[in-house]
Each structure stands twice: as structure tokens, then as C-alpha cells.
């Protein structure tokens, strides 16, 4: 499984960005795709996820502001980020979870999001 993120950039407080995660390879084996982020000097944290049944999950810090969705025809998962805050500044990573007798995780290279105050 290969993952390629895009859509990061610089935005002002209150603005919006949409991140994209293009997935390819053995996509039928993917159980869930998640977004994580890592802010400077901080540990990586879960942001949002969507499973093969389209069930979604969000970190409390982004509920009501971020929306994760999938377009299977385009092999893409999106993270719509609205009402952005300076504390959302981080590198955002796409993660795919595959279960094939053992749990395997794949990661993209990341895309940077900077929210200016």
C-alpha cells in the first residue's frame, strides 16, 4: 500500500484547508485510513479516521471542525479542516491499517499545515 498526501499550506486563523490522501496498491486489504499529526516538539497524535464501513472517528480537539471522507472511485481520503487554529499547526500524515493475519500500518510522507494567528 502506498500513500501520498497533498493539500497542506499556510492559512490564517479561522481559515480552511482540505488535505488529500491518495492510496494505491493492495487497497482491498485496507481496513481503515487515518490522519495523524505531529506538531513541533510534540508526539504524533490521532486526528481522524474512517473504516471500510465509512464509520468515522475524531479526536476531541477537532470534532465539529474537521471532516474525514472517502471517494473510493478516486482512491482518495480527504480531511476537510475548517475553523483552523494556530494549535492545528503540524505535519499531517496519512496512515493505512491492513489486517492480513497480522496488523500492518503504512504511512505517507506527510504534508505541512501552518496556521498563522
Protein backbone atom coordinates (compact mmCIF):
# COMPACT_ATOMS: atom_id res chain seq x y z
CA UNK A 1 0.00 0.00 0.00
CA UNK A 2 1.32 3.44 -0.94
CA UNK A 3 0.00 6.72 0.44
CA UNK A 4 0.61 10.22 -0.90
CA UNK A 5 -0.64 13.29 0.96
CA UNK A 6 -1.24 16.71 -0.51
CA UNK A 7 -3.08 19.91 0.27
CA UNK A 8 -1.05 21.37 3.10
CA UNK A 9 -0.07 25.01 3.25
CA UNK A 10 -0.24 28.28 5.13
CA UNK A 11 -3.60 29.61 6.24
CA UNK A 12 -4.83 32.25 8.68
CA UNK A 13 -6.73 31.50 11.86
CA UNK A 14 -10.33 30.66 11.04
CA UNK A 15 -9.45 29.53 7.54
CA UNK A 16 -9.87 26.17 5.84
CA UNK A 17 -7.74 23.59 4.08
CA UNK A 18 -8.52 20.23 2.54
CA UNK A 19 -5.91 17.51 2.75
CA UNK A 20 -5.94 14.58 0.36
CA UNK A 21 -4.51 11.09 0.78
CA UNK A 22 -4.19 9.15 -2.45
CA UNK A 23 -3.87 5.43 -1.76
CA UNK A 24 -2.73 2.69 -4.13
CA UNK A 25 -1.51 -0.89 -4.12
CA UNK A 26 -3.40 -3.63 -2.30
CA UNK A 27 -6.23 -1.28 -1.42
CA UNK A 28 -8.80 -4.05 -0.93
CA UNK A 29 -6.87 -5.12 2.17
CA UNK A 30 -7.16 -1.73 3.86
CA UNK A 31 -9.32 -1.78 6.99
CA UNK A 32 -9.08 1.89 7.84
CA UNK A 33 -7.37 5.07 6.82
CA UNK A 34 -6.46 7.62 9.43
CA UNK A 35 -4.94 11.06 9.69
CA UNK A 36 -2.33 11.78 12.34
CA UNK A 37 -0.37 14.91 13.05
CA UNK A 38 2.82 15.88 14.80
CA UNK A 39 3.38 19.40 15.97
CA UNK A 40 6.91 20.73 16.56
CA UNK A 41 8.25 19.32 19.81
CA UNK A 42 5.22 17.09 20.33
CA UNK A 43 4.35 13.46 19.84
CA UNK A 44 2.30 12.21 16.94
CA UNK A 45 -1.42 12.23 17.67
CA UNK A 46 -4.52 10.75 16.08
CA UNK A 47 -6.72 13.27 14.28
CA UNK A 48 -9.43 11.37 12.41
CA UNK A 49 -10.14 8.00 10.84
CA UNK A 50 -12.54 6.24 8.51
CA UNK A 51 -13.00 2.48 8.24
CA UNK A 52 -14.19 0.25 5.40
CA UNK A 53 -17.81 0.70 6.55
CA UNK A 54 -17.40 4.50 6.45
CA UNK A 55 -17.55 4.75 10.21
CA UNK A 56 -15.63 7.84 11.26
CA UNK A 57 -13.79 8.81 14.42
CA UNK A 58 -12.31 12.12 15.53
CA UNK A 59 -10.03 13.42 18.21
CA UNK A 60 -11.88 15.63 20.66
CA UNK A 61 -9.70 18.57 19.67
CA UNK A 62 -11.01 18.57 16.10
CA UNK A 63 -14.63 17.41 16.49
CA UNK A 64 -17.02 19.79 14.79
CA UNK A 65 -14.21 21.42 12.79
CA UNK A 66 -12.67 18.60 10.75
CA UNK A 67 -14.44 16.14 8.48
CA UNK A 68 -12.95 12.96 7.05
CA UNK A 69 -14.42 11.39 3.93
CA UNK A 70 -13.55 8.93 1.20
CA UNK A 71 -14.00 8.89 -2.56
CA UNK A 72 -13.38 5.25 -3.47
CA UNK A 73 -13.60 5.97 -7.21
CA UNK A 74 -10.62 8.31 -6.82
CA UNK A 75 -8.84 6.14 -4.21
CA UNK A 76 -8.63 9.22 -2.04
CA UNK A 77 -9.42 10.07 1.57
CA UNK A 78 -9.95 13.72 2.39
CA UNK A 79 -9.60 15.70 5.58
CA UNK A 80 -11.60 18.92 5.40
CA UNK A 81 -10.28 21.26 8.06
CA UNK A 82 -12.38 24.30 8.95
CA UNK A 83 -12.09 26.96 11.66
CA UNK A 84 -8.38 26.30 11.85
CA UNK A 85 -6.45 27.39 14.92
CA UNK A 86 -2.73 28.03 15.44
CA UNK A 87 -2.61 24.86 17.55
CA UNK A 88 -3.55 22.87 14.44
CA UNK A 89 -0.13 23.69 13.02
CA UNK A 90 1.65 20.38 12.41
CA UNK A 91 2.83 17.87 9.87
CA UNK A 92 -0.14 15.75 8.88
CA UNK A 93 0.30 12.11 7.95
CA UNK A 94 -1.97 9.63 6.26
CA UNK A 95 -1.98 6.13 7.76
CA UNK A 96 -3.48 2.90 6.40
CA UNK A 97 -4.22 -0.08 8.60
CA UNK A 98 -4.18 -3.51 6.99
CA UNK A 99 -5.15 -6.75 8.65
CA UNK A 100 -3.95 -9.89 6.89
CA UNK A 101 -3.31 -12.26 9.75
CA UNK A 102 -1.17 -9.60 11.32
CA UNK A 103 -1.61 -5.86 11.74
CA UNK A 104 0.40 -3.76 9.34
CA UNK A 105 0.47 0.01 9.15
CA UNK A 106 1.57 2.15 6.22
CA UNK A 107 2.45 5.83 6.31
CA UNK A 108 2.65 8.64 3.83
CA UNK A 109 5.43 11.20 3.72
CA UNK A 110 3.35 13.93 5.36
CA UNK A 111 2.16 17.38 4.42
CA UNK A 112 2.76 20.53 6.42
CA UNK A 113 -0.05 22.72 7.73
CA UNK A 114 0.72 26.11 9.24
CA UNK A 115 -1.99 28.27 10.79
CA UNK A 116 -0.96 31.85 11.45
CA UNK A 117 -2.53 33.93 14.20
